[in-house]
N, C-alpha and C. Protein backbone atom coordinates (compact mmCIF):
# COMPACT_ATOMS: atom_id res chain seq x y z
N MET A 1 12.23 -13.73 1.69
CA MET A 1 11.04 -13.11 2.36
C MET A 1 9.86 -14.04 2.25
N GLU A 2 9.52 -14.72 3.31
CA GLU A 2 8.39 -15.62 3.20
C GLU A 2 7.08 -14.89 3.01
N ALA A 3 6.89 -13.70 3.61
CA ALA A 3 5.59 -12.94 3.45
C ALA A 3 5.38 -12.69 1.90
N LEU A 4 6.40 -12.20 1.20
CA LEU A 4 6.15 -12.02 -0.20
C LEU A 4 5.74 -13.18 -0.99
N ARG A 5 6.38 -14.36 -0.66
CA ARG A 5 6.01 -15.57 -1.41
C ARG A 5 4.57 -15.85 -1.04
N PHE A 6 4.21 -15.75 0.20
CA PHE A 6 2.91 -16.14 0.69
C PHE A 6 1.84 -15.27 0.01
N PHE A 7 1.99 -13.87 -0.01
CA PHE A 7 1.07 -12.98 -0.61
C PHE A 7 1.06 -13.23 -2.09
N ARG A 8 2.15 -13.52 -2.68
CA ARG A 8 2.11 -13.85 -4.24
C ARG A 8 1.24 -15.11 -4.55
N GLU A 9 1.47 -16.11 -3.63
CA GLU A 9 0.66 -17.35 -3.80
C GLU A 9 -0.81 -17.05 -3.56
N MET A 10 -1.09 -16.22 -2.54
CA MET A 10 -2.44 -16.07 -2.08
C MET A 10 -3.21 -15.11 -3.07
N PHE A 11 -2.63 -14.00 -3.45
CA PHE A 11 -3.27 -13.09 -4.21
C PHE A 11 -2.97 -12.96 -5.70
N GLY A 12 -1.71 -13.43 -6.18
CA GLY A 12 -1.35 -13.43 -7.49
C GLY A 12 -1.44 -12.13 -7.94
N ALA A 13 -2.06 -11.91 -9.18
CA ALA A 13 -2.16 -10.55 -9.83
C ALA A 13 -3.43 -9.94 -9.47
N ALA A 14 -4.28 -10.34 -8.43
CA ALA A 14 -5.55 -9.72 -8.10
C ALA A 14 -5.45 -8.38 -7.63
N VAL A 15 -4.38 -8.09 -6.89
CA VAL A 15 -4.02 -6.73 -6.23
C VAL A 15 -3.45 -5.84 -7.23
N GLY A 16 -3.95 -4.63 -7.40
CA GLY A 16 -3.41 -3.59 -8.31
C GLY A 16 -4.58 -2.92 -9.02
N ASP A 17 -4.19 -2.04 -9.77
CA ASP A 17 -5.27 -1.31 -10.57
C ASP A 17 -6.41 -0.80 -9.74
N GLY A 18 -6.24 -0.19 -8.62
CA GLY A 18 -7.33 0.26 -7.68
C GLY A 18 -7.74 -0.91 -6.70
N ILE A 19 -7.36 -2.03 -6.88
CA ILE A 19 -7.77 -3.16 -5.93
C ILE A 19 -6.75 -3.21 -4.85
N LYS A 20 -7.18 -3.23 -3.60
CA LYS A 20 -6.33 -3.12 -2.45
C LYS A 20 -6.40 -4.37 -1.56
N MET A 21 -5.26 -4.74 -0.84
CA MET A 21 -5.30 -5.70 0.28
C MET A 21 -5.06 -4.95 1.43
N THR A 22 -5.27 -5.49 2.67
CA THR A 22 -4.97 -4.94 3.99
C THR A 22 -4.00 -5.85 4.70
N VAL A 23 -3.20 -5.12 5.55
CA VAL A 23 -2.28 -5.83 6.44
C VAL A 23 -2.31 -4.92 7.72
N TRP A 24 -2.35 -5.54 8.86
CA TRP A 24 -2.29 -4.90 10.10
C TRP A 24 -1.87 -5.67 11.25
N ALA A 25 -1.61 -5.01 12.39
CA ALA A 25 -1.13 -5.67 13.64
C ALA A 25 -1.94 -4.93 14.78
N PRO A 26 -2.32 -5.62 15.84
CA PRO A 26 -3.07 -5.01 16.86
C PRO A 26 -2.16 -4.00 17.63
N LYS A 27 -2.67 -2.88 18.04
CA LYS A 27 -1.92 -2.02 18.95
C LYS A 27 -2.65 -1.95 20.40
N GLU A 28 -1.94 -1.26 21.23
CA GLU A 28 -2.72 -1.11 22.54
C GLU A 28 -4.09 -0.45 22.28
N GLY A 29 -5.05 -0.83 23.14
CA GLY A 29 -6.39 -0.19 22.87
C GLY A 29 -7.08 -0.86 21.76
N ARG A 30 -7.89 -0.22 21.13
CA ARG A 30 -8.66 -0.67 20.03
C ARG A 30 -8.10 -0.28 18.70
N SER A 31 -7.07 0.61 18.65
CA SER A 31 -6.65 1.09 17.25
C SER A 31 -5.77 -0.01 16.63
N LYS A 32 -5.73 0.10 15.37
CA LYS A 32 -4.94 -0.90 14.61
C LYS A 32 -3.92 -0.14 13.80
N THR A 33 -2.97 -1.00 13.34
CA THR A 33 -1.92 -0.30 12.38
C THR A 33 -2.26 -0.80 10.82
N LEU A 34 -3.56 -0.75 10.63
CA LEU A 34 -3.99 -1.20 9.39
C LEU A 34 -3.55 -0.38 8.13
N ARG A 35 -3.09 -0.94 7.10
CA ARG A 35 -2.61 -0.21 5.87
C ARG A 35 -3.10 -0.99 4.70
N TYR A 36 -3.38 -0.17 3.66
CA TYR A 36 -3.91 -0.67 2.42
C TYR A 36 -2.78 -0.74 1.30
N PHE A 37 -2.73 -1.73 0.48
CA PHE A 37 -1.57 -1.88 -0.45
C PHE A 37 -2.26 -2.41 -1.86
N GLU A 38 -1.73 -1.81 -2.88
CA GLU A 38 -2.10 -2.23 -4.28
C GLU A 38 -1.06 -3.07 -4.89
N ASP A 39 -0.07 -3.38 -4.15
CA ASP A 39 1.02 -4.36 -4.61
C ASP A 39 1.38 -5.18 -3.47
N VAL A 40 1.72 -6.50 -3.68
CA VAL A 40 1.99 -7.45 -2.61
C VAL A 40 3.39 -7.17 -2.12
N GLU A 41 4.32 -6.59 -3.01
CA GLU A 41 5.66 -6.47 -2.45
C GLU A 41 5.82 -5.50 -1.23
N PRO A 42 5.24 -4.32 -1.32
CA PRO A 42 5.36 -3.35 -0.22
C PRO A 42 4.43 -3.98 1.03
N ALA A 43 3.34 -4.66 0.67
CA ALA A 43 2.53 -5.35 1.72
C ALA A 43 3.41 -6.28 2.46
N ALA A 44 4.14 -7.08 1.80
CA ALA A 44 5.15 -8.08 2.41
C ALA A 44 6.15 -7.42 3.25
N GLN A 45 6.73 -6.26 2.66
CA GLN A 45 7.71 -5.46 3.39
C GLN A 45 7.13 -5.00 4.73
N TYR A 46 5.80 -4.49 4.71
CA TYR A 46 5.35 -3.98 5.93
C TYR A 46 5.09 -5.12 6.88
N ALA A 47 4.51 -6.18 6.36
CA ALA A 47 4.36 -7.35 7.28
C ALA A 47 5.76 -7.79 7.85
N GLU A 48 6.73 -7.72 7.14
CA GLU A 48 8.05 -8.14 7.74
C GLU A 48 8.51 -7.23 8.76
N SER A 49 8.20 -5.89 8.49
CA SER A 49 8.62 -4.90 9.55
C SER A 49 7.87 -4.90 10.82
N ILE A 50 6.72 -5.48 11.00
CA ILE A 50 6.00 -5.54 12.19
C ILE A 50 5.89 -6.96 12.67
N LYS A 51 6.81 -7.95 12.24
CA LYS A 51 6.69 -9.34 12.57
C LYS A 51 7.03 -9.56 14.05
N ASP A 52 7.32 -8.73 14.85
CA ASP A 52 7.53 -8.83 16.31
C ASP A 52 6.26 -9.06 17.05
N THR A 53 5.11 -8.88 16.31
CA THR A 53 3.69 -8.95 16.95
C THR A 53 2.92 -9.94 16.02
N ASN A 54 1.79 -10.05 16.34
CA ASN A 54 0.79 -10.79 15.45
C ASN A 54 0.50 -9.94 14.24
N VAL A 55 0.61 -10.57 13.05
CA VAL A 55 0.40 -9.83 11.76
C VAL A 55 -0.79 -10.45 11.15
N TYR A 56 -1.78 -9.70 10.69
CA TYR A 56 -2.97 -10.12 10.00
C TYR A 56 -3.10 -9.53 8.62
N PHE A 57 -3.81 -10.26 7.78
CA PHE A 57 -4.11 -9.55 6.56
C PHE A 57 -5.68 -10.10 6.14
N GLY A 58 -6.11 -9.13 5.42
CA GLY A 58 -7.55 -9.41 4.95
C GLY A 58 -7.65 -10.25 3.64
N LEU A 59 -8.54 -11.23 3.73
CA LEU A 59 -8.74 -12.01 2.58
C LEU A 59 -9.56 -11.26 1.47
N GLY A 60 -10.46 -10.33 2.03
CA GLY A 60 -11.33 -9.62 1.05
C GLY A 60 -10.58 -8.38 0.52
N LEU A 61 -10.55 -8.33 -0.73
CA LEU A 61 -9.96 -7.20 -1.57
C LEU A 61 -10.91 -6.08 -1.64
N THR A 62 -10.51 -4.89 -1.66
CA THR A 62 -11.46 -3.70 -1.79
C THR A 62 -10.89 -2.63 -2.71
N LYS A 63 -11.79 -1.74 -3.15
CA LYS A 63 -11.50 -0.55 -3.81
C LYS A 63 -11.56 0.65 -2.91
N HIS A 64 -12.08 0.46 -1.72
CA HIS A 64 -12.20 1.51 -0.70
C HIS A 64 -11.04 1.54 0.26
N GLU A 65 -10.60 2.74 0.55
CA GLU A 65 -9.67 2.91 1.75
C GLU A 65 -10.37 3.68 2.75
N LEU A 66 -10.60 3.08 3.94
CA LEU A 66 -11.31 3.79 4.94
C LEU A 66 -10.49 4.58 5.92
N PRO A 67 -10.99 5.55 6.52
CA PRO A 67 -10.12 6.35 7.43
C PRO A 67 -10.03 5.66 8.86
N ASP A 68 -9.08 6.19 9.54
CA ASP A 68 -8.93 5.61 10.95
C ASP A 68 -8.54 4.19 11.19
N GLY A 69 -8.02 3.54 10.24
CA GLY A 69 -7.58 2.13 10.37
C GLY A 69 -8.79 1.19 10.26
N LYS A 70 -9.90 1.58 9.79
CA LYS A 70 -11.13 0.65 9.70
C LYS A 70 -10.86 -0.31 8.64
N ARG A 71 -11.32 -1.58 8.89
CA ARG A 71 -11.33 -2.55 7.70
C ARG A 71 -12.68 -2.37 6.92
N PRO A 72 -12.68 -2.70 5.69
CA PRO A 72 -13.78 -2.74 4.72
C PRO A 72 -14.84 -3.70 5.24
N SER A 73 -16.12 -3.22 5.04
CA SER A 73 -17.21 -4.27 5.40
C SER A 73 -17.45 -5.25 4.24
N ALA A 74 -18.34 -6.07 4.44
CA ALA A 74 -18.68 -7.08 3.44
C ALA A 74 -19.20 -6.38 2.13
N LEU A 75 -19.88 -5.26 2.18
CA LEU A 75 -20.39 -4.43 1.14
C LEU A 75 -19.40 -3.79 0.39
N GLN A 76 -18.16 -3.63 0.95
CA GLN A 76 -17.01 -2.87 0.28
C GLN A 76 -16.00 -3.82 -0.25
N ILE A 77 -16.19 -5.19 -0.15
CA ILE A 77 -15.23 -6.12 -0.59
C ILE A 77 -15.58 -6.46 -2.11
N CYS A 78 -14.61 -6.42 -2.98
CA CYS A 78 -14.80 -6.61 -4.34
C CYS A 78 -14.28 -7.99 -4.94
N GLY A 79 -13.67 -8.74 -4.07
CA GLY A 79 -13.12 -10.09 -4.47
C GLY A 79 -12.55 -10.80 -3.31
N ILE A 80 -12.46 -12.08 -3.37
CA ILE A 80 -11.89 -13.00 -2.35
C ILE A 80 -11.05 -13.96 -3.10
N PRO A 81 -9.76 -14.17 -2.82
CA PRO A 81 -8.93 -15.05 -3.51
C PRO A 81 -9.13 -16.57 -2.97
N GLY A 82 -9.81 -17.25 -3.58
CA GLY A 82 -10.02 -18.65 -3.17
C GLY A 82 -11.15 -18.99 -2.37
N PHE A 83 -11.24 -20.05 -1.70
CA PHE A 83 -12.44 -20.56 -0.90
C PHE A 83 -11.86 -21.00 0.44
N TRP A 84 -12.58 -20.67 1.42
CA TRP A 84 -12.12 -21.25 2.69
C TRP A 84 -13.28 -21.30 3.66
N ILE A 85 -13.22 -22.11 4.74
CA ILE A 85 -14.22 -22.29 5.66
C ILE A 85 -13.54 -22.01 7.03
N ASP A 86 -14.16 -21.27 7.90
CA ASP A 86 -13.60 -20.77 9.16
C ASP A 86 -14.38 -21.44 10.26
């Protein structure tokens, strides 16, 4: 399972104990299939289950789980694994 290996490399042990990562895929319209995970293994299983479409994950970790598939804002991010430039 490539997703599991990738998530383990990216997040290590940072996810868990109330710290969540997000995985989602676009749906028709503006809604998303966003889910929150406190463990990389179920996150990878979910990513693999929706791999017939574009799959996204959030680099920002959060303690907040927002309703209606909304992603956390910058003020709700409690950590970022690594450094990147977009």
